[in-house]
Amino acid sequence: KLLDKVGLLEKSNSYPHELSGGQQQRV
């Protein structure tokens, strides 16, 4: 639910190195 709130629900099973810096900070 929190991932959905920050717009990253589709990244739930990704690892941090697979995300941009902005996405990591939203996580």
mmCIF file of all heavy atoms, coordinates in Angstrom:
data_MODEL
# 
_entry.id   MODEL 
# 
loop_
_atom_site.group_PDB 
_atom_site.id 
_atom_site.type_symbol 
_atom_site.label_atom_id 
_atom_site.label_alt_id 
_atom_site.label_comp_id 
_atom_site.label_asym_id 
_atom_site.label_entity_id 
_atom_site.label_seq_id 
_atom_site.pdbx_PDB_ins_code 
_atom_site.Cartn_x 
_atom_site.Cartn_y 
_atom_site.Cartn_z 
_atom_site.occupancy 
_atom_site.B_iso_or_equiv 
_atom_site.pdbx_formal_charge 
_atom_site.auth_seq_id 
_atom_site.auth_comp_id 
_atom_site.auth_asym_id 
_atom_site.auth_atom_id 
_atom_site.pdbx_PDB_model_num 
ATOM 1   N N   . LYS A 1 1  ? 0.833  -1.211  0.000   1.00 0.00 ? 1  LYS A N   1 
ATOM 2   C CA  . LYS A 1 1  ? 0.000  0.000   0.000   1.00 0.00 ? 1  LYS A CA  1 
ATOM 3   C C   . LYS A 1 1  ? 0.864  1.256   0.000   1.00 0.00 ? 1  LYS A C   1 
ATOM 4   O O   . LYS A 1 1  ? 0.552  2.246   -0.683  1.00 0.00 ? 1  LYS A O   1 
ATOM 5   C CB  . LYS A 1 1  ? -0.931 -0.009  1.214   1.00 0.00 ? 1  LYS A CB  1 
ATOM 6   C CG  . LYS A 1 1  ? -2.054 -1.031  1.127   1.00 0.00 ? 1  LYS A CG  1 
ATOM 7   C CD  . LYS A 1 1  ? -2.919 -0.997  2.379   1.00 0.00 ? 1  LYS A CD  1 
ATOM 8   C CE  . LYS A 1 1  ? -4.030 -2.041  2.292   1.00 0.00 ? 1  LYS A CE  1 
ATOM 9   N NZ  . LYS A 1 1  ? -4.869 -2.063  3.522   1.00 0.00 ? 1  LYS A NZ  1 
ATOM 10  N N   . LEU A 1 2  ? 1.953  1.220   0.764   1.00 0.00 ? 2  LEU A N   1 
ATOM 11  C CA  . LEU A 1 2  ? 2.850  2.370   0.807   1.00 0.00 ? 2  LEU A CA  1 
ATOM 12  C C   . LEU A 1 2  ? 3.575  2.554   -0.524  1.00 0.00 ? 2  LEU A C   1 
ATOM 13  O O   . LEU A 1 2  ? 3.774  3.681   -0.979  1.00 0.00 ? 2  LEU A O   1 
ATOM 14  C CB  . LEU A 1 2  ? 3.855  2.209   1.951   1.00 0.00 ? 2  LEU A CB  1 
ATOM 15  C CG  . LEU A 1 2  ? 3.264  2.399   3.348   1.00 0.00 ? 2  LEU A CG  1 
ATOM 16  C CD1 . LEU A 1 2  ? 4.249  1.929   4.407   1.00 0.00 ? 2  LEU A CD1 1 
ATOM 17  C CD2 . LEU A 1 2  ? 2.898  3.855   3.576   1.00 0.00 ? 2  LEU A CD2 1 
ATOM 18  N N   . LEU A 1 3  ? 3.965  1.465   -1.147  1.00 0.00 ? 3  LEU A N   1 
ATOM 19  C CA  . LEU A 1 3  ? 4.588  1.566   -2.471  1.00 0.00 ? 3  LEU A CA  1 
ATOM 20  C C   . LEU A 1 3  ? 3.626  2.168   -3.487  1.00 0.00 ? 3  LEU A C   1 
ATOM 21  O O   . LEU A 1 3  ? 4.021  2.963   -4.353  1.00 0.00 ? 3  LEU A O   1 
ATOM 22  C CB  . LEU A 1 3  ? 5.071  0.193   -2.945  1.00 0.00 ? 3  LEU A CB  1 
ATOM 23  C CG  . LEU A 1 3  ? 6.377  -0.303  -2.334  1.00 0.00 ? 3  LEU A CG  1 
ATOM 24  C CD1 . LEU A 1 3  ? 6.659  -1.733  -2.765  1.00 0.00 ? 3  LEU A CD1 1 
ATOM 25  C CD2 . LEU A 1 3  ? 7.538  0.615   -2.753  1.00 0.00 ? 3  LEU A CD2 1 
ATOM 26  N N   . ASP A 1 4  ? 2.375  1.804   -3.380  1.00 0.00 ? 4  ASP A N   1 
ATOM 27  C CA  . ASP A 1 4  ? 1.368  2.382   -4.265  1.00 0.00 ? 4  ASP A CA  1 
ATOM 28  C C   . ASP A 1 4  ? 1.257  3.884   -4.019  1.00 0.00 ? 4  ASP A C   1 
ATOM 29  O O   . ASP A 1 4  ? 1.136  4.680   -4.963  1.00 0.00 ? 4  ASP A O   1 
ATOM 30  C CB  . ASP A 1 4  ? 0.025  1.689   -4.028  1.00 0.00 ? 4  ASP A CB  1 
ATOM 31  C CG  . ASP A 1 4  ? -1.018 2.050   -5.070  1.00 0.00 ? 4  ASP A CG  1 
ATOM 32  O OD1 . ASP A 1 4  ? -0.640 2.316   -6.233  1.00 0.00 ? 4  ASP A OD1 1 
ATOM 33  O OD2 . ASP A 1 4  ? -2.221 2.057   -4.742  1.00 0.00 ? 4  ASP A OD2 1 
ATOM 34  N N   . LYS A 1 5  ? 1.337  4.283   -2.755  1.00 0.00 ? 5  LYS A N   1 
ATOM 35  C CA  . LYS A 1 5  ? 1.219  5.700   -2.397  1.00 0.00 ? 5  LYS A CA  1 
ATOM 36  C C   . LYS A 1 5  ? 2.353  6.523   -2.998  1.00 0.00 ? 5  LYS A C   1 
ATOM 37  O O   . LYS A 1 5  ? 2.156  7.664   -3.423  1.00 0.00 ? 5  LYS A O   1 
ATOM 38  C CB  . LYS A 1 5  ? 1.195  5.871   -0.879  1.00 0.00 ? 5  LYS A CB  1 
ATOM 39  C CG  . LYS A 1 5  ? 0.959  7.304   -0.419  1.00 0.00 ? 5  LYS A CG  1 
ATOM 40  C CD  . LYS A 1 5  ? 0.808  7.381   1.086   1.00 0.00 ? 5  LYS A CD  1 
ATOM 41  C CE  . LYS A 1 5  ? 0.538  8.804   1.540   1.00 0.00 ? 5  LYS A CE  1 
ATOM 42  N NZ  . LYS A 1 5  ? -0.742 9.329   1.041   1.00 0.00 ? 5  LYS A NZ  1 
ATOM 43  N N   . VAL A 1 6  ? 3.559  5.943   -3.054  1.00 0.00 ? 6  VAL A N   1 
ATOM 44  C CA  . VAL A 1 6  ? 4.691  6.690   -3.613  1.00 0.00 ? 6  VAL A CA  1 
ATOM 45  C C   . VAL A 1 6  ? 4.909  6.375   -5.098  1.00 0.00 ? 6  VAL A C   1 
ATOM 46  O O   . VAL A 1 6  ? 5.916  6.768   -5.685  1.00 0.00 ? 6  VAL A O   1 
ATOM 47  C CB  . VAL A 1 6  ? 5.996  6.429   -2.817  1.00 0.00 ? 6  VAL A CB  1 
ATOM 48  C CG1 . VAL A 1 6  ? 5.835  6.869   -1.367  1.00 0.00 ? 6  VAL A CG1 1 
ATOM 49  C CG2 . VAL A 1 6  ? 6.422  4.960   -2.898  1.00 0.00 ? 6  VAL A CG2 1 
ATOM 50  N N   . GLY A 1 7  ? 3.956  5.659   -5.693  1.00 0.00 ? 7  GLY A N   1 
ATOM 51  C CA  . GLY A 1 7  ? 3.996  5.432   -7.130  1.00 0.00 ? 7  GLY A CA  1 
ATOM 52  C C   . GLY A 1 7  ? 4.977  4.391   -7.603  1.00 0.00 ? 7  GLY A C   1 
ATOM 53  O O   . GLY A 1 7  ? 5.470  4.460   -8.732  1.00 0.00 ? 7  GLY A O   1 
ATOM 54  N N   . LEU A 1 8  ? 5.256  3.381   -6.754  1.00 0.00 ? 8  LEU A N   1 
ATOM 55  C CA  . LEU A 1 8  ? 6.267  2.387   -7.116  1.00 0.00 ? 8  LEU A CA  1 
ATOM 56  C C   . LEU A 1 8  ? 5.780  0.947   -6.916  1.00 0.00 ? 8  LEU A C   1 
ATOM 57  O O   . LEU A 1 8  ? 6.586  0.042   -6.718  1.00 0.00 ? 8  LEU A O   1 
ATOM 58  C CB  . LEU A 1 8  ? 7.552  2.610   -6.303  1.00 0.00 ? 8  LEU A CB  1 
ATOM 59  C CG  . LEU A 1 8  ? 8.376  3.829   -6.679  1.00 0.00 ? 8  LEU A CG  1 
ATOM 60  C CD1 . LEU A 1 8  ? 9.514  4.013   -5.681  1.00 0.00 ? 8  LEU A CD1 1 
ATOM 61  C CD2 . LEU A 1 8  ? 8.926  3.712   -8.089  1.00 0.00 ? 8  LEU A CD2 1 
ATOM 62  N N   . LEU A 1 9  ? 4.486  0.747   -6.987  1.00 0.00 ? 9  LEU A N   1 
ATOM 63  C CA  . LEU A 1 9  ? 3.958  -0.588  -6.750  1.00 0.00 ? 9  LEU A CA  1 
ATOM 64  C C   . LEU A 1 9  ? 4.539  -1.610  -7.721  1.00 0.00 ? 9  LEU A C   1 
ATOM 65  O O   . LEU A 1 9  ? 4.820  -2.759  -7.340  1.00 0.00 ? 9  LEU A O   1 
ATOM 66  C CB  . LEU A 1 9  ? 2.430  -0.577  -6.860  1.00 0.00 ? 9  LEU A CB  1 
ATOM 67  C CG  . LEU A 1 9  ? 1.699  -1.885  -6.539  1.00 0.00 ? 9  LEU A CG  1 
ATOM 68  C CD1 . LEU A 1 9  ? 2.013  -2.351  -5.117  1.00 0.00 ? 9  LEU A CD1 1 
ATOM 69  C CD2 . LEU A 1 9  ? 0.197  -1.709  -6.715  1.00 0.00 ? 9  LEU A CD2 1 
ATOM 70  N N   . GLU A 1 10 ? 4.761  -1.184  -8.948  1.00 0.00 ? 10 GLU A N   1 
ATOM 71  C CA  . GLU A 1 10 ? 5.274  -2.115  -9.964  1.00 0.00 ? 10 GLU A CA  1 
ATOM 72  C C   . GLU A 1 10 ? 6.727  -2.507  -9.724  1.00 0.00 ? 10 GLU A C   1 
ATOM 73  O O   . GLU A 1 10 ? 7.245  -3.441  -10.339 1.00 0.00 ? 10 GLU A O   1 
ATOM 74  C CB  . GLU A 1 10 ? 5.129  -1.524  -11.359 1.00 0.00 ? 10 GLU A CB  1 
ATOM 75  C CG  . GLU A 1 10 ? 6.137  -0.442  -11.731 1.00 0.00 ? 10 GLU A CG  1 
ATOM 76  C CD  . GLU A 1 10 ? 5.860  0.926   -11.107 1.00 0.00 ? 10 GLU A CD  1 
ATOM 77  O OE1 . GLU A 1 10 ? 4.839  1.065   -10.387 1.00 0.00 ? 10 GLU A OE1 1 
ATOM 78  O OE2 . GLU A 1 10 ? 6.657  1.847   -11.348 1.00 0.00 ? 10 GLU A OE2 1 
ATOM 79  N N   . LYS A 1 11 ? 7.405  -1.819  -8.794  1.00 0.00 ? 11 LYS A N   1 
ATOM 80  C CA  . LYS A 1 11 ? 8.814  -2.100  -8.491  1.00 0.00 ? 11 LYS A CA  1 
ATOM 81  C C   . LYS A 1 11 ? 8.975  -2.925  -7.214  1.00 0.00 ? 11 LYS A C   1 
ATOM 82  O O   . LYS A 1 11 ? 10.088 -3.068  -6.708  1.00 0.00 ? 11 LYS A O   1 
ATOM 83  C CB  . LYS A 1 11 ? 9.593  -0.794  -8.348  1.00 0.00 ? 11 LYS A CB  1 
ATOM 84  C CG  . LYS A 1 11 ? 9.609  0.080   -9.593  1.00 0.00 ? 11 LYS A CG  1 
ATOM 85  C CD  . LYS A 1 11 ? 10.432 -0.535  -10.703 1.00 0.00 ? 11 LYS A CD  1 
ATOM 86  C CE  . LYS A 1 11 ? 10.556 0.409   -11.882 1.00 0.00 ? 11 LYS A CE  1 
ATOM 87  N NZ  . LYS A 1 11 ? 11.352 -0.189  -12.985 1.00 0.00 ? 11 LYS A NZ  1 
ATOM 88  N N   . SER A 1 12 ? 7.893  -3.504  -6.710  1.00 0.00 ? 12 SER A N   1 
ATOM 89  C CA  . SER A 1 12 ? 7.936  -4.150  -5.396  1.00 0.00 ? 12 SER A CA  1 
ATOM 90  C C   . SER A 1 12 ? 8.962  -5.272  -5.305  1.00 0.00 ? 12 SER A C   1 
ATOM 91  O O   . SER A 1 12 ? 9.566  -5.486  -4.245  1.00 0.00 ? 12 SER A O   1 
ATOM 92  C CB  . SER A 1 12 ? 6.554  -4.677  -5.020  1.00 0.00 ? 12 SER A CB  1 
ATOM 93  O OG  . SER A 1 12 ? 6.119  -5.650  -5.956  1.00 0.00 ? 12 SER A OG  1 
ATOM 94  N N   . ASN A 1 13 ? 9.185  -5.995  -6.381  1.00 0.00 ? 13 ASN A N   1 
ATOM 95  C CA  . ASN A 1 13 ? 10.124 -7.121  -6.356  1.00 0.00 ? 13 ASN A CA  1 
ATOM 96  C C   . ASN A 1 13 ? 11.488 -6.791  -6.957  1.00 0.00 ? 13 ASN A C   1 
ATOM 97  O O   . ASN A 1 13 ? 12.319 -7.687  -7.143  1.00 0.00 ? 13 ASN A O   1 
ATOM 98  C CB  . ASN A 1 13 ? 9.512  -8.322  -7.081  1.00 0.00 ? 13 ASN A CB  1 
ATOM 99  C CG  . ASN A 1 13 ? 8.296  -8.878  -6.342  1.00 0.00 ? 13 ASN A CG  1 
ATOM 100 O OD1 . ASN A 1 13 ? 8.312  -9.003  -5.121  1.00 0.00 ? 13 ASN A OD1 1 
ATOM 101 N ND2 . ASN A 1 13 ? 7.230  -9.181  -7.070  1.00 0.00 ? 13 ASN A ND2 1 
ATOM 102 N N   . SER A 1 14 ? 11.712 -5.519  -7.239  1.00 0.00 ? 14 SER A N   1 
ATOM 103 C CA  . SER A 1 14 ? 13.016 -5.090  -7.738  1.00 0.00 ? 14 SER A CA  1 
ATOM 104 C C   . SER A 1 14 ? 13.990 -4.913  -6.576  1.00 0.00 ? 14 SER A C   1 
ATOM 105 O O   . SER A 1 14 ? 13.589 -4.800  -5.411  1.00 0.00 ? 14 SER A O   1 
ATOM 106 C CB  . SER A 1 14 ? 12.890 -3.773  -8.504  1.00 0.00 ? 14 SER A CB  1 
ATOM 107 O OG  . SER A 1 14 ? 12.024 -3.904  -9.620  1.00 0.00 ? 14 SER A OG  1 
ATOM 108 N N   . TYR A 1 15 ? 15.277 -4.865  -6.897  1.00 0.00 ? 15 TYR A N   1 
ATOM 109 C CA  . TYR A 1 15 ? 16.311 -4.591  -5.905  1.00 0.00 ? 15 TYR A CA  1 
ATOM 110 C C   . TYR A 1 15 ? 16.764 -3.140  -6.051  1.00 0.00 ? 15 TYR A C   1 
ATOM 111 O O   . TYR A 1 15 ? 16.632 -2.548  -7.139  1.00 0.00 ? 15 TYR A O   1 
ATOM 112 C CB  . TYR A 1 15 ? 17.489 -5.552  -6.077  1.00 0.00 ? 15 TYR A CB  1 
ATOM 113 C CG  . TYR A 1 15 ? 17.172 -6.957  -5.623  1.00 0.00 ? 15 TYR A CG  1 
ATOM 114 C CD1 . TYR A 1 15 ? 16.591 -7.880  -6.494  1.00 0.00 ? 15 TYR A CD1 1 
ATOM 115 C CD2 . TYR A 1 15 ? 17.428 -7.358  -4.307  1.00 0.00 ? 15 TYR A CD2 1 
ATOM 116 C CE1 . TYR A 1 15 ? 16.277 -9.172  -6.069  1.00 0.00 ? 15 TYR A CE1 1 
ATOM 117 C CE2 . TYR A 1 15 ? 17.117 -8.644  -3.878  1.00 0.00 ? 15 TYR A CE2 1 
ATOM 118 C CZ  . TYR A 1 15 ? 16.543 -9.542  -4.760  1.00 0.00 ? 15 TYR A CZ  1 
ATOM 119 O OH  . TYR A 1 15 ? 16.227 -10.816 -4.336  1.00 0.00 ? 15 TYR A OH  1 
ATOM 120 N N   . PRO A 1 16 ? 17.309 -2.551  -4.982  1.00 0.00 ? 16 PRO A N   1 
ATOM 121 C CA  . PRO A 1 16 ? 17.690 -1.140  -5.036  1.00 0.00 ? 16 PRO A CA  1 
ATOM 122 C C   . PRO A 1 16 ? 18.580 -0.770  -6.227  1.00 0.00 ? 16 PRO A C   1 
ATOM 123 O O   . PRO A 1 16 ? 18.390 0.301   -6.823  1.00 0.00 ? 16 PRO A O   1 
ATOM 124 C CB  . PRO A 1 16 ? 18.414 -0.928  -3.699  1.00 0.00 ? 16 PRO A CB  1 
ATOM 125 C CG  . PRO A 1 16 ? 17.724 -1.866  -2.769  1.00 0.00 ? 16 PRO A CG  1 
ATOM 126 C CD  . PRO A 1 16 ? 17.435 -3.088  -3.606  1.00 0.00 ? 16 PRO A CD  1 
ATOM 127 N N   . HIS A 1 17 ? 19.523 -1.655  -6.603  1.00 0.00 ? 17 HIS A N   1 
ATOM 128 C CA  . HIS A 1 17 ? 20.428 -1.301  -7.700  1.00 0.00 ? 17 HIS A CA  1 
ATOM 129 C C   . HIS A 1 17 ? 19.717 -1.223  -9.047  1.00 0.00 ? 17 HIS A C   1 
ATOM 130 O O   . HIS A 1 17 ? 20.269 -0.704  -10.020 1.00 0.00 ? 17 HIS A O   1 
ATOM 131 C CB  . HIS A 1 17 ? 21.593 -2.298  -7.770  1.00 0.00 ? 17 HIS A CB  1 
ATOM 132 C CG  . HIS A 1 17 ? 21.209 -3.638  -8.320  1.00 0.00 ? 17 HIS A CG  1 
ATOM 133 N ND1 . HIS A 1 17 ? 20.756 -4.666  -7.520  1.00 0.00 ? 17 HIS A ND1 1 
ATOM 134 C CD2 . HIS A 1 17 ? 21.197 -4.126  -9.599  1.00 0.00 ? 17 HIS A CD2 1 
ATOM 135 C CE1 . HIS A 1 17 ? 20.483 -5.728  -8.267  1.00 0.00 ? 17 HIS A CE1 1 
ATOM 136 N NE2 . HIS A 1 17 ? 20.743 -5.429  -9.531  1.00 0.00 ? 17 HIS A NE2 1 
ATOM 137 N N   . GLU A 1 18 ? 18.494 -1.727  -9.101  1.00 0.00 ? 18 GLU A N   1 
ATOM 138 C CA  . GLU A 1 18 ? 17.714 -1.683  -10.339 1.00 0.00 ? 18 GLU A CA  1 
ATOM 139 C C   . GLU A 1 18 ? 16.864 -0.413  -10.441 1.00 0.00 ? 18 GLU A C   1 
ATOM 140 O O   . GLU A 1 18 ? 16.162 -0.215  -11.431 1.00 0.00 ? 18 GLU A O   1 
ATOM 141 C CB  . GLU A 1 18 ? 16.803 -2.913  -10.425 1.00 0.00 ? 18 GLU A CB  1 
ATOM 142 C CG  . GLU A 1 18 ? 17.569 -4.236  -10.464 1.00 0.00 ? 18 GLU A CG  1 
ATOM 143 C CD  . GLU A 1 18 ? 16.665 -5.449  -10.429 1.00 0.00 ? 18 GLU A CD  1 
ATOM 144 O OE1 . GLU A 1 18 ? 15.792 -5.517  -9.532  1.00 0.00 ? 18 GLU A OE1 1 
ATOM 145 O OE2 . GLU A 1 18 ? 16.828 -6.320  -11.299 1.00 0.00 ? 18 GLU A OE2 1 
ATOM 146 N N   . LEU A 1 19 ? 16.927 0.429   -9.437  1.00 0.00 ? 19 LEU A N   1 
ATOM 147 C CA  . LEU A 1 19 ? 16.119 1.644   -9.388  1.00 0.00 ? 19 LEU A CA  1 
ATOM 148 C C   . LEU A 1 19 ? 16.967 2.883   -9.621  1.00 0.00 ? 19 LEU A C   1 
ATOM 149 O O   . LEU A 1 19 ? 18.168 2.893   -9.346  1.00 0.00 ? 19 LEU A O   1 
ATOM 150 C CB  . LEU A 1 19 ? 15.435 1.777   -8.025  1.00 0.00 ? 19 LEU A CB  1 
ATOM 151 C CG  . LEU A 1 19 ? 14.590 0.605   -7.528  1.00 0.00 ? 19 LEU A CG  1 
ATOM 152 C CD1 . LEU A 1 19 ? 13.989 0.946   -6.176  1.00 0.00 ? 19 LEU A CD1 1 
ATOM 153 C CD2 . LEU A 1 19 ? 13.506 0.244   -8.522  1.00 0.00 ? 19 LEU A CD2 1 
ATOM 154 N N   . SER A 1 20 ? 16.334 3.946   -10.083 1.00 0.00 ? 20 SER A N   1 
ATOM 155 C CA  . SER A 1 20 ? 16.997 5.244   -10.158 1.00 0.00 ? 20 SER A CA  1 
ATOM 156 C C   . SER A 1 20 ? 17.146 5.814   -8.751  1.00 0.00 ? 20 SER A C   1 
ATOM 157 O O   . SER A 1 20 ? 16.521 5.331   -7.794  1.00 0.00 ? 20 SER A O   1 
ATOM 158 C CB  . SER A 1 20 ? 16.176 6.214   -11.015 1.00 0.00 ? 20 SER A CB  1 
ATOM 159 O OG  . SER A 1 20 ? 14.976 6.577   -10.332 1.00 0.00 ? 20 SER A OG  1 
ATOM 160 N N   . GLY A 1 21 ? 17.957 6.857   -8.633  1.00 0.00 ? 21 GLY A N   1 
ATOM 161 C CA  . GLY A 1 21 ? 18.126 7.488   -7.330  1.00 0.00 ? 21 GLY A CA  1 
ATOM 162 C C   . GLY A 1 21 ? 16.813 8.030   -6.781  1.00 0.00 ? 21 GLY A C   1 
ATOM 163 O O   . GLY A 1 21 ? 16.519 7.909   -5.587  1.00 0.00 ? 21 GLY A O   1 
ATOM 164 N N   . GLY A 1 22 ? 16.000 8.622   -7.663  1.00 0.00 ? 22 GLY A N   1 
ATOM 165 C CA  . GLY A 1 22 ? 14.717 9.151   -7.222  1.00 0.00 ? 22 GLY A CA  1 
ATOM 166 C C   . GLY A 1 22 ? 13.787 8.053   -6.740  1.00 0.00 ? 22 GLY A C   1 
ATOM 167 O O   . GLY A 1 22 ? 13.076 8.220   -5.736  1.00 0.00 ? 22 GLY A O   1 
ATOM 168 N N   . GLN A 1 23 ? 13.803 6.931   -7.437  1.00 0.00 ? 23 GLN A N   1 
ATOM 169 C CA  . GLN A 1 23 ? 12.973 5.797   -7.007  1.00 0.00 ? 23 GLN A CA  1 
ATOM 170 C C   . GLN A 1 23 ? 13.454 5.236   -5.674  1.00 0.00 ? 23 GLN A C   1 
ATOM 171 O O   . GLN A 1 23 ? 12.645 4.899   -4.799  1.00 0.00 ? 23 GLN A O   1 
ATOM 172 C CB  . GLN A 1 23 ? 12.986 4.717   -8.087  1.00 0.00 ? 23 GLN A CB  1 
ATOM 173 C CG  . GLN A 1 23 ? 12.227 5.106   -9.351  1.00 0.00 ? 23 GLN A CG  1 
ATOM 174 C CD  . GLN A 1 23 ? 12.434 4.120   -10.486 1.00 0.00 ? 23 GLN A CD  1 
ATOM 175 O OE1 . GLN A 1 23 ? 13.472 3.459   -10.569 1.00 0.00 ? 23 GLN A OE1 1 
ATOM 176 N NE2 . GLN A 1 23 ? 11.460 4.016   -11.373 1.00 0.00 ? 23 GLN A NE2 1 
ATOM 177 N N   . GLN A 1 24 ? 14.765 5.147   -5.499  1.00 0.00 ? 24 GLN A N   1 
ATOM 178 C CA  . GLN A 1 24 ? 15.297 4.655   -4.230  1.00 0.00 ? 24 GLN A CA  1 
ATOM 179 C C   . GLN A 1 24 ? 14.882 5.570   -3.069  1.00 0.00 ? 24 GLN A C   1 
ATOM 180 O O   . GLN A 1 24 ? 14.530 5.090   -1.986  1.00 0.00 ? 24 GLN A O   1 
ATOM 181 C CB  . GLN A 1 24 ? 16.822 4.563   -4.292  1.00 0.00 ? 24 GLN A CB  1 
ATOM 182 C CG  . GLN A 1 24 ? 17.332 3.449   -5.188  1.00 0.00 ? 24 GLN A CG  1 
ATOM 183 C CD  . GLN A 1 24 ? 18.843 3.301   -5.100  1.00 0.00 ? 24 GLN A CD  1 
ATOM 184 O OE1 . GLN A 1 24 ? 19.390 3.056   -4.036  1.00 0.00 ? 24 GLN A OE1 1 
ATOM 185 N NE2 . GLN A 1 24 ? 19.515 3.466   -6.225  1.00 0.00 ? 24 GLN A NE2 1 
ATOM 186 N N   . GLN A 1 25 ? 14.902 6.871   -3.298  1.00 0.00 ? 25 GLN A N   1 
ATOM 187 C CA  . GLN A 1 25 ? 14.524 7.777   -2.227  1.00 0.00 ? 25 GLN A CA  1 
ATOM 188 C C   . GLN A 1 25 ? 13.030 7.677   -1.923  1.00 0.00 ? 25 GLN A C   1 
ATOM 189 O O   . GLN A 1 25 ? 12.622 7.789   -0.760  1.00 0.00 ? 25 GLN A O   1 
ATOM 190 C CB  . GLN A 1 25 ? 14.899 9.226   -2.589  1.00 0.00 ? 25 GLN A CB  1 
ATOM 191 C CG  . GLN A 1 25 ? 14.833 10.204  -1.428  1.00 0.00 ? 25 GLN A CG  1 
ATOM 192 C CD  . GLN A 1 25 ? 15.772 9.857   -0.290  1.00 0.00 ? 25 GLN A CD  1 
ATOM 193 O OE1 . GLN A 1 25 ? 15.597 8.845   0.388   1.00 0.00 ? 25 GLN A OE1 1 
ATOM 194 N NE2 . GLN A 1 25 ? 16.770 10.691  -0.071  1.00 0.00 ? 25 GLN A NE2 1 
ATOM 195 N N   . ARG A 1 26 ? 12.212 7.429   -2.928  1.00 0.00 ? 26 ARG A N   1 
ATOM 196 C CA  . ARG A 1 26 ? 10.782 7.237   -2.688  1.00 0.00 ? 26 ARG A CA  1 
ATOM 197 C C   . ARG A 1 26 ? 10.535 5.957   -1.887  1.00 0.00 ? 26 ARG A C   1 
ATOM 198 O O   . ARG A 1 26 ? 9.655  5.910   -1.031  1.00 0.00 ? 26 ARG A O   1 
ATOM 199 C CB  . ARG A 1 26 ? 10.030 7.216   -4.015  1.00 0.00 ? 26 ARG A CB  1 
ATOM 200 C CG  . ARG A 1 26 ? 9.855  8.609   -4.609  1.00 0.00 ? 26 ARG A CG  1 
ATOM 201 C CD  . ARG A 1 26 ? 9.803  8.578   -6.120  1.00 0.00 ? 26 ARG A CD  1 
ATOM 202 N NE  . ARG A 1 26 ? 8.638  7.883   -6.625  1.00 0.00 ? 26 ARG A NE  1 
ATOM 203 C CZ  . ARG A 1 26 ? 8.495  7.520   -7.903  1.00 0.00 ? 26 ARG A CZ  1 
ATOM 204 N NH1 . ARG A 1 26 ? 9.449  7.789   -8.787  1.00 0.00 ? 26 ARG A NH1 1 
ATOM 205 N NH2 . ARG A 1 26 ? 7.405  6.898   -8.296  1.00 0.00 ? 26 ARG A NH2 1 
ATOM 206 N N   . VAL A 1 27 ? 11.328 4.910   -2.142  1.00 0.00 ? 27 VAL A N   1 
ATOM 207 C CA  . VAL A 1 27 ? 11.244 3.698   -1.327  1.00 0.00 ? 27 VAL A CA  1 
ATOM 208 C C   . VAL A 1 27 ? 11.639 4.018   0.119   1.00 0.00 ? 27 VAL A C   1 
ATOM 209 O O   . VAL A 1 27 ? 11.002 3.554   1.068   1.00 0.00 ? 27 VAL A O   1 
ATOM 210 C CB  . VAL A 1 27 ? 12.148 2.582   -1.891  1.00 0.00 ? 27 VAL A CB  1 
ATOM 211 C CG1 . VAL A 1 27 ? 12.181 1.383   -0.941  1.00 0.00 ? 27 VAL A CG1 1 
ATOM 212 C CG2 . VAL A 1 27 ? 11.663 2.141   -3.266  1.00 0.00 ? 27 VAL A CG2 1 
# 
